[in-house]
C-alpha atoms as a PDB file:
ATOM      1  CA  MET A   1      27.417  26.242 -24.541  1.00  0.00           C
ATOM      2  CA  SER A   2      24.615  27.255 -22.212  1.00  0.00           C
ATOM      3  CA  LYS A   3      23.688  24.937 -19.336  1.00  0.00           C
ATOM      4  CA  THR A   4      20.024  25.335 -20.179  1.00  0.00           C
ATOM      5  CA  LYS A   5      20.451  24.287 -23.856  1.00  0.00           C
ATOM      6  CA  ASN A   6      20.026  20.586 -23.128  1.00  0.00           C
ATOM      7  CA  LEU A   7      17.065  20.929 -20.729  1.00  0.00           C
ATOM      8  CA  PRO A   8      13.635  19.644 -21.959  1.00  0.00           C
ATOM      9  CA  LYS A   9      11.489  22.435 -23.288  1.00  0.00           C
ATOM     10  CA  SER A  10       7.974  23.077 -22.050  1.00  0.00           C
ATOM     11  CA  THR A  11       5.208  21.672 -24.135  1.00  0.00           C
ATOM     12  CA  PRO A  12       1.522  22.631 -24.002  1.00  0.00           C
ATOM     13  CA  GLY A  13       0.218  21.725 -20.507  1.00  0.00           C
ATOM     14  CA  THR A  14       3.634  21.642 -18.823  1.00  0.00           C
ATOM     15  CA  VAL A  15       6.104  24.052 -17.432  1.00  0.00           C
ATOM     16  CA  ALA A  16       9.765  23.508 -17.014  1.00  0.00           C
ATOM     17  CA  LYS A  17      10.650  23.035 -13.325  1.00  0.00           C
ATOM     18  CA  ALA A  18      13.373  25.546 -12.577  1.00  0.00           C
ATOM     19  CA  GLY A  19      16.784  23.892 -12.289  1.00  0.00           C
ATOM     20  CA  SER A  20      15.522  20.327 -12.386  1.00  0.00           C
ATOM     21  CA  GLY A  21      15.839  19.487 -16.091  1.00  0.00           C
ATOM     22  CA  TYR A  22      12.439  17.926 -16.036  1.00  0.00           C
ATOM     23  CA  PRO A  23       9.127  19.296 -17.201  1.00  0.00           C
ATOM     24  CA  ALA A  24       6.494  19.652 -14.489  1.00  0.00           C
ATOM     25  CA  PRO A  25       2.787  19.143 -15.259  1.00  0.00           C
ATOM     26  CA  ALA A  26       0.651  22.192 -14.984  1.00  0.00           C
ATOM     27  CA  ASP A  27      -2.228  19.896 -14.065  1.00  0.00           C
ATOM     28  CA  LEU A  28      -2.199  16.257 -12.942  1.00  0.00           C
ATOM     29  CA  ALA A  29      -2.474  14.168 -16.142  1.00  0.00           C
ATOM     30  CA  THR A  30      -4.601  11.453 -14.389  1.00  0.00           C
ATOM     31  CA  PRO A  31      -8.034  11.534 -15.963  1.00  0.00           C
ATOM     32  CA  SER A  32     -10.893  10.513 -13.612  1.00  0.00           C
ATOM     33  CA  ASP A  33     -14.593  10.726 -13.908  1.00  0.00           C
ATOM     34  CA  LEU A  34     -14.784  11.998 -10.351  1.00  0.00           C
ATOM     35  CA  LYS A  35     -15.727  15.544  -9.885  1.00  0.00           C
ATOM     36  CA  PRO A  36     -13.147  17.920  -8.272  1.00  0.00           C
ATOM     37  CA  ASP A  37     -15.166  18.057  -4.989  1.00  0.00           C
ATOM     38  CA  GLU A  38     -15.432  14.253  -4.897  1.00  0.00           C
ATOM     39  CA  ILE A  39     -11.701  13.955  -5.299  1.00  0.00           C
ATOM     40  CA  LYS A  40     -11.098  16.506  -2.593  1.00  0.00           C
ATOM     41  CA  ASN A  41     -13.415  14.678  -0.205  1.00  0.00           C
ATOM     42  CA  VAL A  42     -11.752  11.312  -0.884  1.00  0.00           C
ATOM     43  CA  VAL A  43      -8.252  12.764  -0.495  1.00  0.00           C
ATOM     44  CA  THR A  44      -9.299  14.395   2.784  1.00  0.00           C
ATOM     45  CA  ALA A  45     -10.650  11.094   4.080  1.00  0.00           C
ATOM     46  CA  VAL A  46      -7.763   8.838   2.919  1.00  0.00           C
ATOM     47  CA  ASN A  47      -4.599  10.965   3.562  1.00  0.00           C
ATOM     48  CA  PRO A  48      -5.086  10.826   7.336  1.00  0.00           C
ATOM     49  CA  LEU A  49      -5.220   7.045   6.950  1.00  0.00           C
ATOM     50  CA  ILE A  50      -1.921   7.080   5.114  1.00  0.00           C
ATOM     51  CA  ALA A  51      -0.425   9.315   7.761  1.00  0.00           C
ATOM     52  CA  ASP A  52      -1.615   6.960  10.457  1.00  0.00           C
ATOM     53  CA  ALA A  53      -0.244   3.968   8.571  1.00  0.00           C
ATOM     54  CA  PHE A  54       3.167   5.707   8.479  1.00  0.00           C
ATOM     55  CA  ALA A  55       2.946   6.412  12.202  1.00  0.00           C
ATOM     56  CA  LEU A  56       1.887   2.811  12.938  1.00  0.00           C
ATOM     57  CA  TYR A  57       4.630   1.499  10.640  1.00  0.00           C
ATOM     58  CA  THR A  58       7.193   3.511  12.540  1.00  0.00           C
ATOM     59  CA  LYS A  59       5.903   2.467  15.915  1.00  0.00           C
ATOM     60  CA  THR A  60       5.797  -1.214  14.840  1.00  0.00           C
ATOM     61  CA  LYS A  61       9.396  -1.044  13.608  1.00  0.00           C
ATOM     62  CA  ASN A  62      10.341   0.807  16.864  1.00  0.00           C
ATOM     63  CA  PHE A  63       8.907  -2.084  18.940  1.00  0.00           C
ATOM     64  CA  HIS A  64      10.483  -4.637  16.526  1.00  0.00           C
ATOM     65  CA  TRP A  65      13.864  -3.080  17.140  1.00  0.00           C
ATOM     66  CA  HIS A  66      13.501  -2.501  20.901  1.00  0.00           C
ATOM     67  CA  LEU A  67      11.831  -5.800  21.852  1.00  0.00           C
ATOM     68  CA  SER A  68      13.230  -7.991  24.626  1.00  0.00           C
ATOM     69  CA  GLY A  69      11.913 -10.874  26.751  1.00  0.00           C
ATOM     70  CA  SER A  70      11.054 -14.554  26.607  1.00  0.00           C
ATOM     71  CA  HIS A  71       8.874 -14.195  23.472  1.00  0.00           C
ATOM     72  CA  PHE A  72      11.459 -12.219  21.578  1.00  0.00           C
ATOM     73  CA  ARG A  73      11.774 -14.322  18.461  1.00  0.00           C
ATOM     74  CA  ASP A  74       8.019 -14.807  17.872  1.00  0.00           C
ATOM     75  CA  TYR A  75       7.149 -11.137  18.569  1.00  0.00           C
ATOM     76  CA  HIS A  76      10.140  -9.893  16.646  1.00  0.00           C
ATOM     77  CA  LEU A  77       8.987 -11.790  13.579  1.00  0.00           C
ATOM     78  CA  MET A  78       5.410 -10.775  14.056  1.00  0.00           C
ATOM     79  CA  PHE A  79       6.189  -7.126  14.293  1.00  0.00           C
ATOM     80  CA  ASP A  80       8.328  -7.323  11.183  1.00  0.00           C
ATOM     81  CA  GLU A  81       5.517  -9.046   9.229  1.00  0.00           C
ATOM     82  CA  GLN A  82       3.054  -6.448  10.512  1.00  0.00           C
ATOM     83  CA  ALA A  83       5.307  -3.597   9.459  1.00  0.00           C
ATOM     84  CA  ASP A  84       5.712  -5.017   5.983  1.00  0.00           C
ATOM     85  CA  ALA A  85       2.021  -5.246   5.493  1.00  0.00           C
ATOM     86  CA  ILE A  86       1.455  -1.731   6.822  1.00  0.00           C
ATOM     87  CA  PHE A  87       4.122  -0.414   4.451  1.00  0.00           C
ATOM     88  CA  GLU A  88       2.512  -2.137   1.460  1.00  0.00           C
ATOM     89  CA  SER A  89      -0.819  -0.524   2.303  1.00  0.00           C
ATOM     90  CA  ILE A  90       0.743   2.886   2.302  1.00  0.00           C
ATOM     91  CA  ASP A  91       1.914   2.448  -1.284  1.00  0.00           C
ATOM     92  CA  ILE A  92      -1.424   1.036  -2.525  1.00  0.00           C
ATOM     93  CA  LEU A  93      -3.480   3.910  -0.981  1.00  0.00           C
ATOM     94  CA  SER A  94      -1.030   6.610  -2.087  1.00  0.00           C
ATOM     95  CA  GLU A  95      -0.994   5.340  -5.616  1.00  0.00           C
ATOM     96  CA  ARG A  96      -4.757   5.287  -5.681  1.00  0.00           C
ATOM     97  CA  ILE A  97      -4.913   8.890  -4.533  1.00  0.00           C
ATOM     98  CA  ARG A  98      -2.618   9.855  -7.335  1.00  0.00           C
ATOM     99  CA  ARG A  99      -4.662   7.835  -9.783  1.00  0.00           C
ATOM    100  CA  ILE A 100      -7.832   9.859  -9.120  1.00  0.00           C
ATOM    101  CA  GLY A 101      -5.932  13.025  -9.492  1.00  0.00           C
ATOM    102  CA  GLY A 102      -5.211  13.892  -5.872  1.00  0.00           C
ATOM    103  CA  THR A 103      -2.024  14.484  -4.008  1.00  0.00           C
ATOM    104  CA  THR A 104      -0.860  12.553  -1.044  1.00  0.00           C
ATOM    105  CA  ILE A 105       1.663  12.647   1.748  1.00  0.00           C
ATOM    106  CA  ARG A 106       4.748  14.734   0.958  1.00  0.00           C
ATOM    107  CA  SER A 107       6.868  14.795   4.135  1.00  0.00           C
ATOM    108  CA  ILE A 108       7.302  13.895   7.770  1.00  0.00           C
ATOM    109  CA  THR A 109       5.803  17.281   8.631  1.00  0.00           C
ATOM    110  CA  HIS A 110       2.775  16.421   6.528  1.00  0.00           C
ATOM    111  CA  ILE A 111       2.379  13.038   8.249  1.00  0.00           C
ATOM    112  CA  THR A 112       2.666  14.707  11.675  1.00  0.00           C
ATOM    113  CA  SER A 113      -0.021  17.233  10.822  1.00  0.00           C
ATOM    114  CA  LEU A 114      -2.470  14.402   9.833  1.00  0.00           C
ATOM    115  CA  GLN A 115      -1.719  11.491  12.118  1.00  0.00           C
ATOM    116  CA  THR A 116      -4.022  10.490  14.953  1.00  0.00           C
ATOM    117  CA  ILE A 117      -1.742   7.590  16.060  1.00  0.00           C
ATOM    118  CA  LYS A 118       0.415   8.704  18.980  1.00  0.00           C
ATOM    119  CA  ASP A 119       4.163   8.212  18.792  1.00  0.00           C
ATOM    120  CA  ASN A 120       5.878   6.142  21.483  1.00  0.00           C
ATOM    121  CA  ASN A 121       9.307   7.509  22.365  1.00  0.00           C
ATOM    122  CA  ASP A 122       9.731   5.671  25.662  1.00  0.00           C
ATOM    123  CA  ASP A 123      13.145   4.168  26.286  1.00  0.00           C
ATOM    124  CA  PHE A 124      11.676   0.909  27.438  1.00  0.00           C
ATOM    125  CA  VAL A 125       8.248  -0.670  26.757  1.00  0.00           C
ATOM    126  CA  PRO A 126       7.447  -4.180  28.026  1.00  0.00           C
ATOM    127  CA  ALA A 127       6.417  -6.614  25.277  1.00  0.00           C
ATOM    128  CA  ASP A 128       2.846  -6.946  26.647  1.00  0.00           C
ATOM    129  CA  LYS A 129       2.390  -3.129  26.555  1.00  0.00           C
ATOM    130  CA  MET A 130       3.722  -3.067  23.007  1.00  0.00           C
ATOM    131  CA  ILE A 131       1.148  -5.541  21.932  1.00  0.00           C
ATOM    132  CA  ALA A 132      -1.636  -3.730  23.785  1.00  0.00           C
ATOM    133  CA  GLU A 133      -0.669  -0.380  22.251  1.00  0.00           C
ATOM    134  CA  LEU A 134      -0.409  -1.757  18.711  1.00  0.00           C
ATOM    135  CA  LEU A 135      -3.851  -3.457  19.188  1.00  0.00           C
ATOM    136  CA  SER A 136      -5.393  -0.156  20.279  1.00  0.00           C
ATOM    137  CA  ASP A 137      -3.745   1.682  17.402  1.00  0.00           C
ATOM    138  CA  ASN A 138      -5.087  -0.841  14.858  1.00  0.00           C
ATOM    139  CA  GLN A 139      -8.532  -0.558  16.334  1.00  0.00           C
ATOM    140  CA  GLN A 140      -8.390   3.244  16.024  1.00  0.00           C
ATOM    141  CA  ILE A 141      -7.253   2.910  12.398  1.00  0.00           C
ATOM    142  CA  ALA A 142     -10.119   0.508  11.664  1.00  0.00           C
ATOM    143  CA  ARG A 143     -12.662   3.046  13.070  1.00  0.00           C
ATOM    144  CA  ASN A 144     -11.154   5.743  10.886  1.00  0.00           C
ATOM    145  CA  GLN A 145     -11.125   3.379   7.924  1.00  0.00           C
ATOM    146  CA  ARG A 146     -14.796   2.674   8.211  1.00  0.00           C
ATOM    147  CA  LYS A 147     -15.499   6.457   8.129  1.00  0.00           C
ATOM    148  CA  ALA A 148     -13.254   6.759   5.050  1.00  0.00           C
ATOM    149  CA  ILE A 149     -15.109   3.924   3.326  1.00  0.00           C
ATOM    150  CA  LYS A 150     -18.325   5.818   3.796  1.00  0.00           C
ATOM    151  CA  THR A 151     -16.815   8.961   2.425  1.00  0.00           C
ATOM    152  CA  THR A 152     -15.406   7.138  -0.593  1.00  0.00           C
ATOM    153  CA  GLU A 153     -18.806   5.482  -1.295  1.00  0.00           C
ATOM    154  CA  ASP A 154     -20.638   8.844  -0.768  1.00  0.00           C
ATOM    155  CA  ASN A 155     -18.315  10.355  -3.397  1.00  0.00           C
ATOM    156  CA  ASN A 156     -18.707   7.714  -6.085  1.00  0.00           C
ATOM    157  CA  ASP A 157     -15.220   6.108  -5.560  1.00  0.00           C
ATOM    158  CA  SER A 158     -15.954   2.445  -5.415  1.00  0.00           C
ATOM    159  CA  PRO A 159     -12.331   1.427  -6.300  1.00  0.00           C
ATOM    160  CA  THR A 160     -10.861   3.284  -3.325  1.00  0.00           C
ATOM    161  CA  SER A 161     -13.665   1.908  -1.099  1.00  0.00           C
ATOM    162  CA  ASN A 162     -12.722  -1.572  -2.228  1.00  0.00           C
ATOM    163  CA  ILE A 163      -9.093  -0.975  -1.496  1.00  0.00           C
ATOM    164  CA  LEU A 164      -9.984   0.161   2.028  1.00  0.00           C
ATOM    165  CA  GLN A 165     -12.097  -2.890   2.554  1.00  0.00           C
ATOM    166  CA  GLU A 166      -9.402  -5.417   1.550  1.00  0.00           C
END
């Protein structure tokens, strides 16, 4: 019996993905009334926000794990809550990009190519510096988010604009 005998067959609009056993769509099957250039503009505006959210999530968890000092418990819990909220936003934005027919972040390399938030690889960061750095990063994301809101509105994508404003 051939190994390929039990693989799904291609149907119109799909092609079998070599070796996976799963059909792969030829086109994204996510109907949207946005024009292709509007989708591209929205994706181009939102994907860097998603990359920055991944970078901020990682930095926040880094600080959560490496925190020390007299306010350890309070800051530790705060950083964990912040990281959870950031991670949730990544999923919401990524799913929205897929919903309109775009593609989103695919890898760490992709994140690195789009992120504007700087990594912090220092061996030790005092708690007050952690908070100052996270505040600055959040302000930077807010500025970029306002630009993305304008782009989504200019490209007739009110739902994505609404998500960015929440």
